[in-house]
Structures are given as C-alpha cells and as structure tokens.
Amino acid sequence: MALSDFDSPDAWRRDLDARWPERAEVRVEMVRILKAHVRREDASLLELGAGDGELMAQVGSALPNARLVAVDREPSLLRHTVERIPRVQTTELDLNGAWVGLDPGFDAVYSLQTLHDLGGLAELRRVYARAVSLLAPGGLLLNADFSSPQAHDDPDNPRRFPAGVHAALMRELGLREVRSHGSYGLLMCVSGVA
C-alpha cells in the first residue's frame, strides 16, 4: 500500500511492520552491524529510502555523535524524519534518478526494504554502484530487503533477489568482506566493505 493510503507516516510504518513483523528484528540486526563496523564517533551514515525515520532513529540512538543523512523521494517522509530526529540532514531524490547533493565519504550506506522497488536487477546494480562511490575507504554497504519473489511480481522482470545475488553484485563492484547476515522471514541482510 502507498503512503497516500494512510493518515500519517507512522501509520504507514505500522502497517508495514504488521505485514512483515520480521522488520523489527532486522532493524535490531542492522543497528548492531552498523555499531560494530563504525568506529569513529563522528561517523557519517546515509540511509537510502529512509521512510518515516524509524531505523534512522534507532541508528542515531546507538551512534549519538554520528552525522545522519536520509534520502527519500517522498518529501512528507523526510519532513517527518526531521521532526523525529532534528540532527538529520535530508535530501529528496528518487534512487532511479540523478543523485545530487550527496558528497562521498560516508562510513556506511544502508537501506531497509527499499531497493526491491527500483525496478529490477540492472537498477539494483546501478544503485549499488552509486552507493559504493559514496563510501569512504573501509565504509560499509548494508542492505536488508525481500529475498524471494511475491505472488504479484512479474516473473519476466524480477526485483526481489536472494542474498547470493546481492552478494555477487557487491563483489562485482569491488567490495570485500561480503557476507550474508541471515534471513528473517521474507527478508535477508547482506553487507560489504569498500
């Protein structure tokens, strides 16, 4: 369901969490991974498709001195995120469009349940390549998303891929220490280091 089907960003997220309760566990795991990887107190982190800011709020609590940057294509979600986390910097952009306003040097770029909406494998690879170009040396790319097709998906243009496909793309783009962090219901979590 679209954000416009709900009366608030929080209601939208609650609906997503009700349909995929594993999202709560994945958020905890992603925060753990980010906290373990990011060593600098003043680290810079970028969330792709930050939604209502729930994951970013948890990351911000775990890394209270980190610079937080959120991108999303929905201005109302970005406004909501800033209301929740005043220190966050936001950039409105469509991940399939031009990425303007983002400078390289991030200690981590991460995303939860967003990249399956890009349109397919070529788009996923392109977004991963852009994300990698924004990482500082040693920076972490972390993605959690659907790992298998759903009933309404177009079998001729898949957009949900198993962890192995994500890992192969990360390796192809030069990331090292690529690993799967497991499966959580319909979601998987994969990371790689620049």
Protein backbone atom coordinates (compact mmCIF):
# COMPACT_ATOMS: atom_id res chain seq x y z
CA MET A 1 0.00 0.00 0.00
CA ALA A 2 1.17 3.52 -0.77
CA LEU A 3 1.95 6.19 1.79
CA SER A 4 -1.04 8.16 0.45
CA ASP A 5 -3.33 5.37 1.71
CA PHE A 6 -2.53 6.30 5.33
CA ASP A 7 -3.16 9.32 7.54
CA SER A 8 0.45 9.57 8.74
CA PRO A 9 3.94 8.21 8.12
CA ASP A 10 3.74 6.38 11.46
CA ALA A 11 0.52 4.63 10.40
CA TRP A 12 2.20 3.64 7.13
CA ARG A 13 5.18 2.13 9.00
CA ARG A 14 2.92 0.34 11.49
CA ASP A 15 1.13 -1.28 8.55
CA LEU A 16 4.45 -2.41 7.04
CA ASP A 17 5.57 -3.76 10.42
CA ALA A 18 2.27 -5.64 10.85
CA ARG A 19 2.58 -7.24 7.40
CA TRP A 20 6.27 -8.07 7.88
CA PRO A 21 6.89 -8.36 11.64
CA GLU A 22 10.44 -9.51 10.90
CA ARG A 23 11.29 -5.88 10.14
CA ALA A 24 11.71 -5.23 13.88
CA GLU A 25 14.34 -7.97 14.19
CA VAL A 26 16.08 -6.78 11.03
CA ARG A 27 16.28 -3.22 12.36
CA VAL A 28 17.93 -4.51 15.54
CA GLU A 29 20.42 -6.54 13.49
CA MET A 30 21.21 -3.63 11.18
CA VAL A 31 21.88 -1.31 14.14
CA ARG A 32 24.14 -3.97 15.67
CA ILE A 33 26.08 -4.36 12.40
CA LEU A 34 26.44 -0.61 11.91
CA LYS A 35 27.54 -0.03 15.51
CA ALA A 36 30.11 -2.83 15.27
CA HIS A 37 31.53 -1.51 11.98
CA VAL A 38 31.55 2.23 12.56
CA ARG A 39 34.50 3.11 14.80
CA ARG A 40 34.59 6.91 14.59
CA GLU A 41 32.36 8.87 16.93
CA ASP A 42 31.78 11.46 14.21
CA ALA A 43 30.97 8.87 11.55
CA SER A 44 28.81 9.82 8.59
CA LEU A 45 25.91 7.49 7.69
CA LEU A 46 23.49 7.59 4.75
CA GLU A 47 20.14 5.80 4.67
CA LEU A 48 18.63 5.15 1.24
CA GLY A 49 14.83 5.26 1.33
CA ALA A 50 14.67 6.35 4.97
CA GLY A 51 10.88 6.23 5.08
CA ASP A 52 9.48 7.55 8.36
CA GLY A 53 12.90 7.52 10.03
CA GLU A 54 12.31 4.57 12.37
CA LEU A 55 15.56 2.79 11.51
CA MET A 56 17.49 6.07 11.44
CA ALA A 57 16.17 6.93 14.93
CA GLN A 58 17.49 3.61 16.22
CA VAL A 59 20.84 4.12 14.46
CA GLY A 60 21.03 7.65 15.88
CA SER A 61 20.44 6.37 19.41
CA ALA A 62 23.20 3.78 19.01
CA LEU A 63 25.61 6.30 17.42
CA PRO A 64 24.73 9.61 19.12
CA ASN A 65 27.55 11.65 17.58
CA ALA A 66 27.22 10.35 14.04
CA ARG A 67 26.23 12.58 11.13
CA LEU A 68 22.96 11.17 9.77
CA VAL A 69 21.78 11.75 6.21
CA ALA A 70 18.42 10.50 4.93
CA VAL A 71 17.31 10.30 1.32
CA ASP A 72 13.81 9.51 0.14
CA ARG A 73 11.62 10.50 -2.78
CA GLU A 74 8.72 11.46 -0.50
CA PRO A 75 9.06 14.98 0.96
CA SER A 76 6.47 14.24 3.66
CA LEU A 77 8.57 11.33 4.92
CA LEU A 78 11.69 13.49 5.03
CA ARG A 79 9.83 16.20 6.99
CA HIS A 80 8.58 13.55 9.41
CA THR A 81 12.11 12.18 9.83
CA VAL A 82 13.47 15.65 10.68
CA GLU A 83 10.66 16.12 13.23
CA ARG A 84 11.70 12.83 14.87
CA ILE A 85 15.46 13.36 14.57
CA PRO A 86 16.31 17.07 14.39
CA ARG A 87 20.01 16.47 13.66
CA VAL A 88 19.33 14.51 10.46
CA GLN A 89 20.15 16.07 7.11
CA THR A 90 17.78 15.19 4.28
CA THR A 91 17.92 15.07 0.51
CA GLU A 92 14.87 14.45 -1.64
CA LEU A 93 15.75 12.15 -4.51
CA ASP A 94 14.49 9.20 -6.50
CA LEU A 95 17.09 6.44 -6.32
CA ASN A 96 16.50 5.75 -10.03
CA GLY A 97 17.18 9.39 -10.92
CA ALA A 98 20.16 11.70 -10.53
CA TRP A 99 21.89 11.65 -7.17
CA VAL A 100 22.62 15.29 -6.42
CA GLY A 101 23.59 16.85 -3.13
CA LEU A 102 25.48 13.83 -1.78
CA ASP A 103 29.22 14.06 -1.32
CA PRO A 104 31.44 10.97 -0.99
CA GLY A 105 32.97 9.93 2.31
CA PHE A 106 30.23 8.01 4.12
CA ASP A 107 31.31 5.47 6.72
CA ALA A 108 28.16 3.49 5.94
CA VAL A 109 25.35 3.49 3.40
CA TYR A 110 22.38 1.33 4.35
CA SER A 111 18.82 0.53 3.33
CA LEU A 112 15.88 -1.49 4.65
CA GLN A 113 13.16 -2.87 2.40
CA THR A 114 13.62 -0.20 -0.29
CA LEU A 115 15.75 -1.44 -3.17
CA HIS A 116 13.21 -4.01 -4.42
CA ASP A 117 11.17 -1.03 -5.63
CA LEU A 118 13.87 0.08 -8.08
CA GLY A 119 12.57 -2.00 -10.97
CA GLY A 120 14.97 -4.91 -11.47
CA LEU A 121 18.50 -6.23 -11.43
CA ALA A 122 20.05 -3.53 -13.64
CA GLU A 123 18.60 -0.81 -11.42
CA LEU A 124 19.78 -2.58 -8.27
CA ARG A 125 23.30 -2.83 -9.67
CA ARG A 126 23.26 0.86 -10.64
CA VAL A 127 22.15 1.93 -7.15
CA TYR A 128 24.75 -0.30 -5.52
CA ALA A 129 27.43 1.26 -7.77
CA ARG A 130 26.30 4.76 -6.77
CA ALA A 131 26.27 3.79 -3.10
CA VAL A 132 29.77 2.31 -3.35
CA SER A 133 31.01 5.54 -4.96
CA LEU A 134 29.83 7.44 -1.87
CA LEU A 135 31.65 5.21 0.63
CA ALA A 136 34.88 6.23 2.31
CA PRO A 137 37.66 3.62 2.21
CA GLY A 138 36.59 0.94 4.67
CA GLY A 139 32.97 2.12 4.52
CA LEU A 140 30.12 -0.38 4.81
CA LEU A 141 27.29 -1.02 2.35
CA LEU A 142 24.43 -2.75 4.20
CA ASN A 143 21.11 -3.77 2.67
CA ALA A 144 18.14 -5.71 4.02
CA ASP A 145 15.31 -6.49 1.63
CA PHE A 146 12.98 -9.17 0.32
CA SER A 147 14.81 -12.33 -0.68
CA SER A 148 12.23 -14.02 -2.89
CA PRO A 149 9.50 -13.04 -5.38
CA GLN A 150 5.98 -12.35 -4.23
CA ALA A 151 2.79 -13.52 -5.94
CA HIS A 152 2.16 -10.20 -7.75
CA ASP A 153 5.73 -9.89 -9.12
CA ASP A 154 6.41 -10.03 -12.86
CA PRO A 155 8.37 -13.27 -13.44
CA ASP A 156 9.96 -11.73 -16.56
CA ASN A 157 11.36 -8.79 -14.55
CA PRO A 158 12.20 -9.92 -11.02
CA ARG A 159 13.03 -7.30 -8.43
CA ARG A 160 13.41 -9.36 -5.27
CA PHE A 161 16.61 -11.39 -5.11
CA PRO A 162 18.20 -13.89 -2.75
CA ALA A 163 21.19 -12.86 -0.65
CA GLY A 164 23.55 -14.58 -3.09
CA VAL A 165 22.57 -12.20 -5.90
CA HIS A 166 23.13 -9.16 -3.68
CA ALA A 167 26.48 -10.57 -2.53
CA ALA A 168 27.58 -11.25 -6.11
CA LEU A 169 26.74 -7.66 -7.13
CA MET A 170 28.69 -6.29 -4.17
CA ARG A 171 31.73 -8.40 -5.06
CA GLU A 172 31.45 -7.39 -8.72
CA LEU A 173 31.60 -3.74 -7.59
CA GLY A 174 34.81 -4.38 -5.67
CA LEU A 175 33.50 -4.71 -2.14
CA ARG A 176 35.32 -7.10 0.18
CA GLU A 177 34.29 -8.93 3.31
CA VAL A 178 30.91 -9.50 1.65
CA ARG A 179 28.63 -11.55 3.84
CA SER A 180 25.08 -12.54 4.49
CA HIS A 181 23.78 -11.76 7.95
CA GLY A 182 20.99 -14.29 7.66
CA SER A 183 17.34 -14.47 6.74
CA TYR A 184 14.48 -13.06 8.72
CA GLY A 185 11.12 -14.27 7.44
CA LEU A 186 10.90 -12.90 3.89
CA LEU A 187 13.87 -10.56 4.39
CA MET A 188 17.63 -11.06 4.09
CA CYS A 189 20.54 -8.85 5.12
CA VAL A 190 23.86 -8.53 3.23
CA SER A 191 26.89 -6.26 3.63
CA GLY A 192 30.25 -5.50 2.05
CA VAL A 193 33.19 -3.24 2.83
CA ALA A 194 34.77 -0.73 0.43
